[in-house]
C-alpha atoms as a PDB file:
ATOM      1  CA  UNK A   1      -4.517  -2.290  28.543  1.00  0.00           C
ATOM      2  CA  UNK A   2      -3.911  -2.192  24.792  1.00  0.00           C
ATOM      3  CA  UNK A   3      -5.900   0.191  22.666  1.00  0.00           C
ATOM      4  CA  UNK A   4      -7.388  -0.599  19.283  1.00  0.00           C
ATOM      5  CA  UNK A   5      -5.005   1.850  17.576  1.00  0.00           C
ATOM      6  CA  UNK A   6      -2.048   0.244  19.385  1.00  0.00           C
ATOM      7  CA  UNK A   7      -3.211  -3.193  18.299  1.00  0.00           C
ATOM      8  CA  UNK A   8      -3.716  -2.048  14.715  1.00  0.00           C
ATOM      9  CA  UNK A   9      -0.234  -0.514  14.612  1.00  0.00           C
ATOM     10  CA  UNK A  10       1.263  -3.884  15.552  1.00  0.00           C
ATOM     11  CA  UNK A  11      -0.314  -5.726  12.616  1.00  0.00           C
ATOM     12  CA  UNK A  12       2.175  -6.727   9.937  1.00  0.00           C
ATOM     13  CA  UNK A  13       2.095  -5.603   6.327  1.00  0.00           C
ATOM     14  CA  UNK A  14       1.500  -9.241   5.428  1.00  0.00           C
ATOM     15  CA  UNK A  15      -1.666  -9.241   7.541  1.00  0.00           C
ATOM     16  CA  UNK A  16      -3.070  -6.304   5.560  1.00  0.00           C
ATOM     17  CA  UNK A  17      -1.925  -7.727   2.225  1.00  0.00           C
ATOM     18  CA  UNK A  18      -3.858 -10.943   2.798  1.00  0.00           C
ATOM     19  CA  UNK A  19      -6.832  -9.256   4.457  1.00  0.00           C
ATOM     20  CA  UNK A  20      -7.295  -7.311   1.228  1.00  0.00           C
ATOM     21  CA  UNK A  21      -7.363 -10.448  -0.932  1.00  0.00           C
ATOM     22  CA  UNK A  22     -10.375 -10.783  -3.223  1.00  0.00           C
ATOM     23  CA  UNK A  23     -11.127 -14.215  -1.788  1.00  0.00           C
ATOM     24  CA  UNK A  24     -12.617 -12.429   1.250  1.00  0.00           C
ATOM     25  CA  UNK A  25     -14.745 -10.014  -0.769  1.00  0.00           C
ATOM     26  CA  UNK A  26     -18.035 -11.775  -0.050  1.00  0.00           C
ATOM     27  CA  UNK A  27     -17.355 -13.079   3.448  1.00  0.00           C
ATOM     28  CA  UNK A  28     -15.265 -10.463   5.240  1.00  0.00           C
ATOM     29  CA  UNK A  29     -15.375  -7.240   3.276  1.00  0.00           C
ATOM     30  CA  UNK A  30     -19.048  -6.365   3.752  1.00  0.00           C
ATOM     31  CA  UNK A  31     -18.315  -6.022   7.485  1.00  0.00           C
ATOM     32  CA  UNK A  32     -15.065  -4.101   6.950  1.00  0.00           C
ATOM     33  CA  UNK A  33     -16.217  -1.666   4.286  1.00  0.00           C
ATOM     34  CA  UNK A  34     -16.909   1.068   6.836  1.00  0.00           C
ATOM     35  CA  UNK A  35     -13.243   1.059   7.922  1.00  0.00           C
ATOM     36  CA  UNK A  36     -12.098   1.761   4.373  1.00  0.00           C
ATOM     37  CA  UNK A  37     -14.524   4.439   3.291  1.00  0.00           C
ATOM     38  CA  UNK A  38     -12.228   5.721   0.541  1.00  0.00           C
ATOM     39  CA  UNK A  39     -11.559   2.296  -0.993  1.00  0.00           C
ATOM     40  CA  UNK A  40     -14.012   2.433  -3.882  1.00  0.00           C
ATOM     41  CA  UNK A  41     -12.177  -0.294  -5.765  1.00  0.00           C
ATOM     42  CA  UNK A  42     -10.127  -3.212  -4.532  1.00  0.00           C
ATOM     43  CA  UNK A  43      -6.766  -2.464  -2.971  1.00  0.00           C
ATOM     44  CA  UNK A  44      -5.519  -5.989  -3.485  1.00  0.00           C
ATOM     45  CA  UNK A  45      -3.326  -5.513  -6.574  1.00  0.00           C
ATOM     46  CA  UNK A  46      -1.304  -2.445  -5.532  1.00  0.00           C
ATOM     47  CA  UNK A  47      -0.857  -3.758  -1.979  1.00  0.00           C
ATOM     48  CA  UNK A  48       0.186  -7.193  -3.314  1.00  0.00           C
ATOM     49  CA  UNK A  49       2.822  -5.568  -5.552  1.00  0.00           C
ATOM     50  CA  UNK A  50       4.100  -3.402  -2.685  1.00  0.00           C
ATOM     51  CA  UNK A  51       4.239  -6.433  -0.378  1.00  0.00           C
ATOM     52  CA  UNK A  52       6.265  -8.394  -2.940  1.00  0.00           C
ATOM     53  CA  UNK A  53       8.539  -5.365  -3.486  1.00  0.00           C
ATOM     54  CA  UNK A  54       9.077  -4.979   0.266  1.00  0.00           C
ATOM     55  CA  UNK A  55       9.846  -8.697   0.593  1.00  0.00           C
ATOM     56  CA  UNK A  56      12.395  -8.568  -2.233  1.00  0.00           C
ATOM     57  CA  UNK A  57      14.172  -5.726  -0.463  1.00  0.00           C
ATOM     58  CA  UNK A  58      13.987  -7.483   2.923  1.00  0.00           C
ATOM     59  CA  UNK A  59      15.519 -10.643   1.443  1.00  0.00           C
ATOM     60  CA  UNK A  60      18.258  -8.680  -0.357  1.00  0.00           C
ATOM     61  CA  UNK A  61      16.956  -9.689  -3.770  1.00  0.00           C
ATOM     62  CA  UNK A  62      17.499  -7.570  -6.848  1.00  0.00           C
ATOM     63  CA  UNK A  63      14.981  -4.820  -7.551  1.00  0.00           C
ATOM     64  CA  UNK A  64      16.884  -2.981 -10.269  1.00  0.00           C
ATOM     65  CA  UNK A  65      14.674  -4.381 -13.006  1.00  0.00           C
ATOM     66  CA  UNK A  66      11.490  -3.165 -11.277  1.00  0.00           C
ATOM     67  CA  UNK A  67       9.937   0.185 -12.114  1.00  0.00           C
ATOM     68  CA  UNK A  68      10.260   2.764  -9.320  1.00  0.00           C
ATOM     69  CA  UNK A  69       7.485   4.773 -10.974  1.00  0.00           C
ATOM     70  CA  UNK A  70       5.138   1.786 -10.808  1.00  0.00           C
ATOM     71  CA  UNK A  71       5.874   1.267  -7.101  1.00  0.00           C
ATOM     72  CA  UNK A  72       5.346   4.997  -6.514  1.00  0.00           C
ATOM     73  CA  UNK A  73       1.975   4.711  -8.238  1.00  0.00           C
ATOM     74  CA  UNK A  74       1.060   1.668  -6.133  1.00  0.00           C
ATOM     75  CA  UNK A  75       2.008   3.543  -2.962  1.00  0.00           C
ATOM     76  CA  UNK A  76      -0.062   6.552  -3.989  1.00  0.00           C
ATOM     77  CA  UNK A  77      -3.025   4.341  -4.898  1.00  0.00           C
ATOM     78  CA  UNK A  78      -3.006   2.483  -1.573  1.00  0.00           C
ATOM     79  CA  UNK A  79      -2.472   5.669   0.409  1.00  0.00           C
ATOM     80  CA  UNK A  80      -5.265   7.356  -1.541  1.00  0.00           C
ATOM     81  CA  UNK A  81      -7.679   4.632  -0.441  1.00  0.00           C
ATOM     82  CA  UNK A  82      -6.701   5.030   3.204  1.00  0.00           C
ATOM     83  CA  UNK A  83      -6.225   8.796   3.527  1.00  0.00           C
ATOM     84  CA  UNK A  84      -6.734  10.949   0.422  1.00  0.00           C
ATOM     85  CA  UNK A  85      -5.350  14.068   2.110  1.00  0.00           C
ATOM     86  CA  UNK A  86      -2.171  12.207   3.052  1.00  0.00           C
ATOM     87  CA  UNK A  87      -1.853  10.905  -0.512  1.00  0.00           C
ATOM     88  CA  UNK A  88      -2.025  14.462  -1.824  1.00  0.00           C
ATOM     89  CA  UNK A  89       0.588  15.626   0.686  1.00  0.00           C
ATOM     90  CA  UNK A  90       2.939  12.751  -0.214  1.00  0.00           C
ATOM     91  CA  UNK A  91       2.487  13.376  -3.946  1.00  0.00           C
ATOM     92  CA  UNK A  92       3.428  17.025  -3.456  1.00  0.00           C
ATOM     93  CA  UNK A  93       6.460  16.126  -1.327  1.00  0.00           C
ATOM     94  CA  UNK A  94       7.842  13.248  -3.414  1.00  0.00           C
ATOM     95  CA  UNK A  95      11.091  13.815  -5.242  1.00  0.00           C
ATOM     96  CA  UNK A  96      11.251  10.486  -7.070  1.00  0.00           C
ATOM     97  CA  UNK A  97      10.408  12.001 -10.456  1.00  0.00           C
ATOM     98  CA  UNK A  98      13.224  14.555 -10.043  1.00  0.00           C
ATOM     99  CA  UNK A  99      15.684  11.829  -9.061  1.00  0.00           C
ATOM    100  CA  UNK A 100      14.646   9.597 -11.960  1.00  0.00           C
ATOM    101  CA  UNK A 101      14.905  12.508 -14.420  1.00  0.00           C
ATOM    102  CA  UNK A 102      18.527  13.045 -13.345  1.00  0.00           C
ATOM    103  CA  UNK A 103      19.254   9.332 -13.828  1.00  0.00           C
ATOM    104  CA  UNK A 104      18.270   9.292 -17.494  1.00  0.00           C
END
């Protein structure tokens, strides 16, 4: 028998990206708000950008012109909505700023 957490883990990133679309704000989100207690503002924009970024990578498209700092910020924003403590831990552990500083 599948558990809810097992089912949730099998959902694709695309599922979440489109679930978070503003078009569902009035119809679906009032019922889901309790599951995203830390999402005080919409998560649609950062998740949409991360989804597009992930798809570019998956399809072997160029990403060199995209800002790694902006994608880091989107990741931190989305993670902060889901689990603020995890977002803090990731921010403390990230080395992207050090790597980018060495690139310049």
